[in-house]
Amino acid sequence: MGKFSKDAILEKATELARMIAETEEVDYFKKVEAKIHANRKVQEKIAEIKGLQKQAVNLQNYGKTKALQRVEAKIDELQREIDEIPIVQDFKDSQYEVNELLQLVTKKIAEKVTEEIEKTRDVRTTN
């Protein structure tokens, strides 16, 4: 029988999630995300993209390939314009930093579990 129950592990995972949510990386991400939502220029371009995406679906359904290509080109252009807005780049950078932190934690957990399994295996083979 193991030392820890699934519930105990999930409780610790919840605690770890709270800790991660209170890091500088996540705090900065939240601030930048709020600025993105408050940025009228970004929101207008996003709304325009959504409208064009709906048009693209309709054009695709009706087989209007030339018109579809024009709409897709406009979507790409708007996406590039959004990406050039400094706050959007800040957002993407902060998103990357948070993801890196999550990947680091995941990797550390996986490494430690593997290490513990190998220790147990080594003890069994030496006995």
N, C-alpha and C. Protein backbone atom coordinates (compact mmCIF):
# COMPACT_ATOMS: atom_id res chain seq x y z
N MET A 1 0.84 -1.20 0.00
CA MET A 1 0.00 0.00 0.00
C MET A 1 0.88 1.25 0.00
N GLY A 2 0.52 2.23 -0.79
CA GLY A 2 1.30 3.46 -0.90
C GLY A 2 1.15 4.36 0.31
N LYS A 3 2.08 5.29 0.45
CA LYS A 3 2.06 6.23 1.56
C LYS A 3 1.00 7.32 1.40
N PHE A 4 0.74 7.68 0.16
CA PHE A 4 -0.16 8.81 -0.08
C PHE A 4 -1.36 8.40 -0.92
N SER A 5 -2.51 8.95 -0.55
CA SER A 5 -3.72 8.67 -1.33
C SER A 5 -3.78 9.64 -2.51
N LYS A 6 -4.59 9.28 -3.47
CA LYS A 6 -4.81 10.14 -4.63
C LYS A 6 -5.33 11.50 -4.17
N ASP A 7 -6.26 11.48 -3.20
CA ASP A 7 -6.82 12.74 -2.69
C ASP A 7 -5.76 13.63 -2.06
N ALA A 8 -4.83 13.02 -1.32
CA ALA A 8 -3.76 13.79 -0.68
C ALA A 8 -2.86 14.43 -1.74
N ILE A 9 -2.59 13.68 -2.79
CA ILE A 9 -1.76 14.21 -3.88
C ILE A 9 -2.47 15.35 -4.59
N LEU A 10 -3.76 15.19 -4.84
CA LEU A 10 -4.53 16.25 -5.49
C LEU A 10 -4.61 17.50 -4.62
N GLU A 11 -4.66 17.29 -3.31
CA GLU A 11 -4.66 18.43 -2.39
C GLU A 11 -3.34 19.21 -2.50
N LYS A 12 -2.24 18.48 -2.56
CA LYS A 12 -0.92 19.12 -2.73
C LYS A 12 -0.83 19.81 -4.10
N ALA A 13 -1.41 19.19 -5.12
CA ALA A 13 -1.40 19.79 -6.46
C ALA A 13 -2.18 21.11 -6.45
N THR A 14 -3.28 21.14 -5.72
CA THR A 14 -4.07 22.36 -5.61
C THR A 14 -3.25 23.44 -4.90
N GLU A 15 -2.54 23.04 -3.87
CA GLU A 15 -1.67 23.98 -3.15
C GLU A 15 -0.57 24.51 -4.08
N LEU A 16 0.03 23.63 -4.85
CA LEU A 16 1.06 24.03 -5.81
C LEU A 16 0.49 24.99 -6.86
N ALA A 17 -0.72 24.70 -7.32
CA ALA A 17 -1.37 25.57 -8.30
C ALA A 17 -1.58 26.97 -7.73
N ARG A 18 -1.98 27.04 -6.46
CA ARG A 18 -2.16 28.35 -5.81
C ARG A 18 -0.82 29.09 -5.74
N MET A 19 0.23 28.36 -5.41
CA MET A 19 1.56 28.98 -5.34
C MET A 19 1.98 29.52 -6.70
N ILE A 20 1.76 28.74 -7.73
CA ILE A 20 2.11 29.17 -9.09
C ILE A 20 1.31 30.40 -9.48
N ALA A 21 0.03 30.40 -9.12
CA ALA A 21 -0.85 31.53 -9.45
C ALA A 21 -0.40 32.82 -8.77
N GLU A 22 0.42 32.70 -7.74
CA GLU A 22 0.90 33.88 -7.02
C GLU A 22 2.35 34.24 -7.35
N THR A 23 2.87 33.71 -8.45
CA THR A 23 4.24 34.05 -8.87
C THR A 23 4.25 35.38 -9.61
N GLU A 24 5.44 35.96 -9.73
CA GLU A 24 5.59 37.20 -10.50
C GLU A 24 5.16 37.00 -11.95
N GLU A 25 5.48 35.83 -12.51
CA GLU A 25 5.16 35.55 -13.91
C GLU A 25 3.65 35.59 -14.15
N VAL A 26 2.90 34.94 -13.27
CA VAL A 26 1.44 34.91 -13.44
C VAL A 26 0.84 36.28 -13.14
N ASP A 27 1.38 36.96 -12.14
CA ASP A 27 0.89 38.29 -11.81
C ASP A 27 1.06 39.23 -13.00
N TYR A 28 2.23 39.20 -13.63
CA TYR A 28 2.48 40.05 -14.79
C TYR A 28 1.56 39.67 -15.95
N PHE A 29 1.37 38.36 -16.15
CA PHE A 29 0.47 37.88 -17.20
C PHE A 29 -0.94 38.46 -17.01
N LYS A 30 -1.44 38.42 -15.79
CA LYS A 30 -2.79 38.94 -15.51
C LYS A 30 -2.88 40.43 -15.82
N LYS A 31 -1.84 41.18 -15.45
CA LYS A 31 -1.84 42.62 -15.70
C LYS A 31 -1.84 42.92 -17.20
N VAL A 32 -1.00 42.22 -17.93
CA VAL A 32 -0.91 42.44 -19.38
C VAL A 32 -2.21 42.00 -20.06
N GLU A 33 -2.78 40.89 -19.60
CA GLU A 33 -4.05 40.42 -20.16
C GLU A 33 -5.14 41.47 -19.97
N ALA A 34 -5.19 42.08 -18.79
CA ALA A 34 -6.18 43.13 -18.53
C ALA A 34 -5.97 44.32 -19.47
N LYS A 35 -4.71 44.66 -19.73
CA LYS A 35 -4.42 45.77 -20.65
C LYS A 35 -4.86 45.44 -22.07
N ILE A 36 -4.70 44.19 -22.46
CA ILE A 36 -5.14 43.75 -23.80
C ILE A 36 -6.66 43.91 -23.92
N HIS A 37 -7.37 43.48 -22.88
CA HIS A 37 -8.84 43.57 -22.92
C HIS A 37 -9.32 45.02 -22.90
N ALA A 38 -8.51 45.90 -22.32
CA ALA A 38 -8.88 47.31 -22.24
C ALA A 38 -8.42 48.11 -23.47
N ASN A 39 -7.62 47.51 -24.32
CA ASN A 39 -7.07 48.21 -25.48
C ASN A 39 -8.09 48.18 -26.63
N ARG A 40 -8.65 49.34 -26.92
CA ARG A 40 -9.70 49.44 -27.94
C ARG A 40 -9.22 49.00 -29.31
N LYS A 41 -8.00 49.41 -29.66
CA LYS A 41 -7.45 49.07 -30.97
C LYS A 41 -7.36 47.55 -31.15
N VAL A 42 -6.86 46.87 -30.13
CA VAL A 42 -6.75 45.41 -30.19
C VAL A 42 -8.13 44.78 -30.29
N GLN A 43 -9.05 45.23 -29.46
CA GLN A 43 -10.39 44.64 -29.44
C GLN A 43 -11.13 44.85 -30.77
N GLU A 44 -10.95 46.02 -31.37
CA GLU A 44 -11.58 46.28 -32.67
C GLU A 44 -11.04 45.34 -33.74
N LYS A 45 -9.73 45.15 -33.74
CA LYS A 45 -9.12 44.26 -34.73
C LYS A 45 -9.55 42.81 -34.50
N ILE A 46 -9.65 42.41 -33.24
CA ILE A 46 -10.11 41.05 -32.93
C ILE A 46 -11.55 40.86 -33.40
N ALA A 47 -12.40 41.86 -33.16
CA ALA A 47 -13.79 41.79 -33.61
C ALA A 47 -13.86 41.70 -35.14
N GLU A 48 -13.00 42.47 -35.80
CA GLU A 48 -12.97 42.43 -37.27
C GLU A 48 -12.54 41.05 -37.77
N ILE A 49 -11.54 40.47 -37.11
CA ILE A 49 -11.08 39.13 -37.49
C ILE A 49 -12.21 38.12 -37.30
N LYS A 50 -12.92 38.20 -36.19
CA LYS A 50 -14.02 37.26 -35.94
C LYS A 50 -15.09 37.35 -37.03
N GLY A 51 -15.41 38.57 -37.43
CA GLY A 51 -16.38 38.76 -38.51
C GLY A 51 -15.90 38.17 -39.82
N LEU A 52 -14.62 38.39 -40.12
CA LEU A 52 -14.04 37.84 -41.34
C LEU A 52 -13.97 36.32 -41.30
N GLN A 53 -13.72 35.76 -40.12
CA GLN A 53 -13.68 34.30 -39.99
C GLN A 53 -15.06 33.69 -40.29
N LYS A 54 -16.11 34.37 -39.84
CA LYS A 54 -17.47 33.89 -40.16
C LYS A 54 -17.72 33.96 -41.66
N GLN A 55 -17.27 35.06 -42.27
CA GLN A 55 -17.39 35.20 -43.72
C GLN A 55 -16.64 34.07 -44.42
N ALA A 56 -15.45 33.78 -43.94
CA ALA A 56 -14.61 32.74 -44.55
C ALA A 56 -15.31 31.39 -44.51
N VAL A 57 -15.96 31.07 -43.40
CA VAL A 57 -16.69 29.80 -43.28
C VAL A 57 -17.79 29.75 -44.33
N ASN A 58 -18.55 30.84 -44.45
CA ASN A 58 -19.63 30.88 -45.44
C ASN A 58 -19.09 30.76 -46.86
N LEU A 59 -18.02 31.47 -47.15
CA LEU A 59 -17.42 31.41 -48.49
C LEU A 59 -16.91 30.01 -48.80
N GLN A 60 -16.34 29.37 -47.80
CA GLN A 60 -15.85 28.00 -47.99
C GLN A 60 -17.01 27.05 -48.26
N ASN A 61 -18.10 27.23 -47.51
CA ASN A 61 -19.27 26.37 -47.69
C ASN A 61 -19.89 26.51 -49.08
N TYR A 62 -19.77 27.72 -49.65
CA TYR A 62 -20.34 27.95 -50.97
C TYR A 62 -19.31 27.78 -52.09
N GLY A 63 -18.11 27.37 -51.74
CA GLY A 63 -17.09 27.11 -52.75
C GLY A 63 -16.53 28.35 -53.43
N LYS A 64 -16.61 29.48 -52.78
CA LYS A 64 -16.11 30.74 -53.35
C LYS A 64 -14.62 30.89 -53.00
N THR A 65 -13.78 30.19 -53.74
CA THR A 65 -12.36 30.11 -53.38
C THR A 65 -11.60 31.43 -53.52
N LYS A 66 -11.87 32.19 -54.57
CA LYS A 66 -11.17 33.47 -54.76
C LYS A 66 -11.52 34.45 -53.64
N ALA A 67 -12.81 34.56 -53.35
CA ALA A 67 -13.25 35.45 -52.27
C ALA A 67 -12.70 34.97 -50.93
N LEU A 68 -12.67 33.66 -50.74
CA LEU A 68 -12.14 33.08 -49.51
C LEU A 68 -10.66 33.45 -49.34
N GLN A 69 -9.90 33.37 -50.42
CA GLN A 69 -8.48 33.73 -50.36
C GLN A 69 -8.29 35.20 -49.98
N ARG A 70 -9.14 36.07 -50.51
CA ARG A 70 -9.05 37.50 -50.17
C ARG A 70 -9.35 37.73 -48.69
N VAL A 71 -10.39 37.06 -48.20
CA VAL A 71 -10.76 37.19 -46.79
C VAL A 71 -9.65 36.64 -45.89
N GLU A 72 -9.10 35.50 -46.26
CA GLU A 72 -8.02 34.91 -45.46
C GLU A 72 -6.78 35.82 -45.45
N ALA A 73 -6.50 36.46 -46.58
CA ALA A 73 -5.38 37.40 -46.65
C ALA A 73 -5.61 38.59 -45.72
N LYS A 74 -6.85 39.07 -45.69
CA LYS A 74 -7.20 40.19 -44.81
C LYS A 74 -7.07 39.77 -43.34
N ILE A 75 -7.48 38.56 -43.03
CA ILE A 75 -7.33 38.04 -41.66
C ILE A 75 -5.85 38.00 -41.27
N ASP A 76 -5.02 37.50 -42.18
CA ASP A 76 -3.58 37.43 -41.92
C ASP A 76 -2.99 38.82 -41.70
N GLU A 77 -3.43 39.77 -42.52
CA GLU A 77 -2.95 41.15 -42.39
C GLU A 77 -3.34 41.74 -41.03
N LEU A 78 -4.59 41.53 -40.64
CA LEU A 78 -5.04 42.03 -39.33
C LEU A 78 -4.28 41.36 -38.19
N GLN A 79 -4.00 40.08 -38.33
CA GLN A 79 -3.26 39.36 -37.30
C GLN A 79 -1.85 39.94 -37.17
N ARG A 80 -1.23 40.25 -38.30
CA ARG A 80 0.11 40.87 -38.28
C ARG A 80 0.06 42.24 -37.59
N GLU A 81 -0.99 43.00 -37.91
CA GLU A 81 -1.15 44.32 -37.28
C GLU A 81 -1.30 44.18 -35.77
N ILE A 82 -2.08 43.21 -35.34
CA ILE A 82 -2.25 42.97 -33.90
C ILE A 82 -0.91 42.60 -33.27
N ASP A 83 -0.19 41.71 -33.93
CA ASP A 83 1.10 41.25 -33.39
C ASP A 83 2.12 42.38 -33.27
N GLU A 84 1.97 43.43 -34.06
CA GLU A 84 2.91 44.56 -34.01
C GLU A 84 2.61 45.52 -32.86
N ILE A 85 1.47 45.39 -32.23
CA ILE A 85 1.12 46.26 -31.11
C ILE A 85 1.94 45.82 -29.89
N PRO A 86 2.71 46.73 -29.29
CA PRO A 86 3.62 46.35 -28.20
C PRO A 86 2.97 45.57 -27.06
N ILE A 87 1.77 45.94 -26.65
CA ILE A 87 1.14 45.23 -25.53
C ILE A 87 0.83 43.78 -25.90
N VAL A 88 0.58 43.53 -27.17
CA VAL A 88 0.32 42.16 -27.62
C VAL A 88 1.60 41.33 -27.52
N GLN A 89 2.72 41.93 -27.90
CA GLN A 89 3.99 41.21 -27.77
C GLN A 89 4.31 40.95 -26.29
N ASP A 90 4.02 41.93 -25.44
CA ASP A 90 4.20 41.74 -23.99
C ASP A 90 3.34 40.57 -23.50
N PHE A 91 2.11 40.52 -24.00
CA PHE A 91 1.20 39.44 -23.61
C PHE A 91 1.75 38.09 -24.04
N LYS A 92 2.20 38.01 -25.28
CA LYS A 92 2.75 36.74 -25.79
C LYS A 92 4.00 36.33 -25.00
N ASP A 93 4.84 37.31 -24.68
CA ASP A 93 6.04 37.01 -23.89
C ASP A 93 5.67 36.50 -22.50
N SER A 94 4.69 37.16 -21.88
CA SER A 94 4.30 36.74 -20.53
C SER A 94 3.63 35.37 -20.56
N GLN A 95 2.88 35.10 -21.62
CA GLN A 95 2.26 33.78 -21.80
C GLN A 95 3.34 32.71 -21.91
N TYR A 96 4.39 33.02 -22.65
CA TYR A 96 5.52 32.11 -22.81
C TYR A 96 6.19 31.84 -21.46
N GLU A 97 6.40 32.89 -20.67
CA GLU A 97 7.04 32.75 -19.36
C GLU A 97 6.23 31.87 -18.42
N VAL A 98 4.92 32.07 -18.40
CA VAL A 98 4.05 31.24 -17.55
C VAL A 98 4.10 29.79 -18.02
N ASN A 99 4.04 29.58 -19.32
CA ASN A 99 4.11 28.23 -19.86
C ASN A 99 5.44 27.57 -19.52
N GLU A 100 6.53 28.32 -19.60
CA GLU A 100 7.85 27.79 -19.23
C GLU A 100 7.87 27.34 -17.77
N LEU A 101 7.28 28.14 -16.90
CA LEU A 101 7.21 27.78 -15.48
C LEU A 101 6.43 26.48 -15.30
N LEU A 102 5.29 26.38 -15.96
CA LEU A 102 4.47 25.16 -15.86
C LEU A 102 5.23 23.94 -16.40
N GLN A 103 5.94 24.12 -17.51
CA GLN A 103 6.72 23.02 -18.08
C GLN A 103 7.85 22.61 -17.14
N LEU A 104 8.47 23.58 -16.50
CA LEU A 104 9.55 23.31 -15.55
C LEU A 104 9.03 22.49 -14.36
N VAL A 105 7.88 22.88 -13.84
CA VAL A 105 7.28 22.16 -12.71
C VAL A 105 6.91 20.74 -13.14
N THR A 106 6.29 20.61 -14.30
CA THR A 106 5.90 19.29 -14.82
C THR A 106 7.12 18.40 -14.99
N LYS A 107 8.17 18.95 -15.57
CA LYS A 107 9.40 18.19 -15.79
C LYS A 107 10.01 17.74 -14.46
N LYS A 108 10.03 18.64 -13.48
CA LYS A 108 10.60 18.32 -12.17
C LYS A 108 9.82 17.20 -11.51
N ILE A 109 8.50 17.25 -11.58
CA ILE A 109 7.67 16.19 -11.00
C ILE A 109 7.96 14.87 -11.69
N ALA A 110 7.98 14.87 -13.01
CA ALA A 110 8.24 13.64 -13.77
C ALA A 110 9.61 13.07 -13.44
N GLU A 111 10.62 13.94 -13.36
CA GLU A 111 11.97 13.47 -13.03
C GLU A 111 12.02 12.84 -11.64
N LYS A 112 11.37 13.49 -10.68
CA LYS A 112 11.39 12.99 -9.30
C LYS A 112 10.65 11.66 -9.19
N VAL A 113 9.52 11.53 -9.85
CA VAL A 113 8.77 10.27 -9.84
C VAL A 113 9.63 9.16 -10.45
N THR A 114 10.25 9.45 -11.58
CA THR A 114 11.12 8.46 -12.23
C THR A 114 12.27 8.06 -11.30
N GLU A 115 12.86 9.05 -10.66
CA GLU A 115 13.97 8.80 -9.73
C GLU A 115 13.52 7.88 -8.58
N GLU A 116 12.35 8.15 -8.03
CA GLU A 116 11.82 7.34 -6.93
C GLU A 116 11.51 5.91 -7.39
N ILE A 117 10.99 5.78 -8.59
CA ILE A 117 10.70 4.44 -9.14
C ILE A 117 12.01 3.66 -9.30
N GLU A 118 13.03 4.34 -9.82
CA GLU A 118 14.32 3.67 -10.02
C GLU A 118 14.97 3.28 -8.69
N LYS A 119 14.83 4.12 -7.66
CA LYS A 119 15.35 3.78 -6.33
C LYS A 119 14.70 2.50 -5.81
N THR A 120 13.37 2.43 -5.95
CA THR A 120 12.62 1.26 -5.50
C THR A 120 13.07 0.03 -6.28
N ARG A 121 13.24 0.18 -7.57
CA ARG A 121 13.68 -0.91 -8.43
C ARG A 121 15.08 -1.38 -8.01
N ASP A 122 15.98 -0.44 -7.74
CA ASP A 122 17.35 -0.78 -7.32
C ASP A 122 17.36 -1.52 -5.99
N VAL A 123 16.51 -1.10 -5.06
CA VAL A 123 16.43 -1.77 -3.75
C VAL A 123 15.95 -3.20 -3.93
N ARG A 124 14.97 -3.40 -4.78
CA ARG A 124 14.43 -4.75 -5.01
C ARG A 124 15.47 -5.67 -5.66
N THR A 125 16.24 -5.14 -6.59
CA THR A 125 17.21 -5.99 -7.30
C THR A 125 18.44 -6.30 -6.46
N THR A 126 18.74 -5.46 -5.46
CA THR A 126 19.89 -5.73 -4.59
C THR A 126 19.53 -6.66 -3.44
N ASN A 127 18.25 -6.89 -3.22
CA ASN A 127 17.83 -7.78 -2.12
C ASN A 127 17.68 -9.18 -2.57
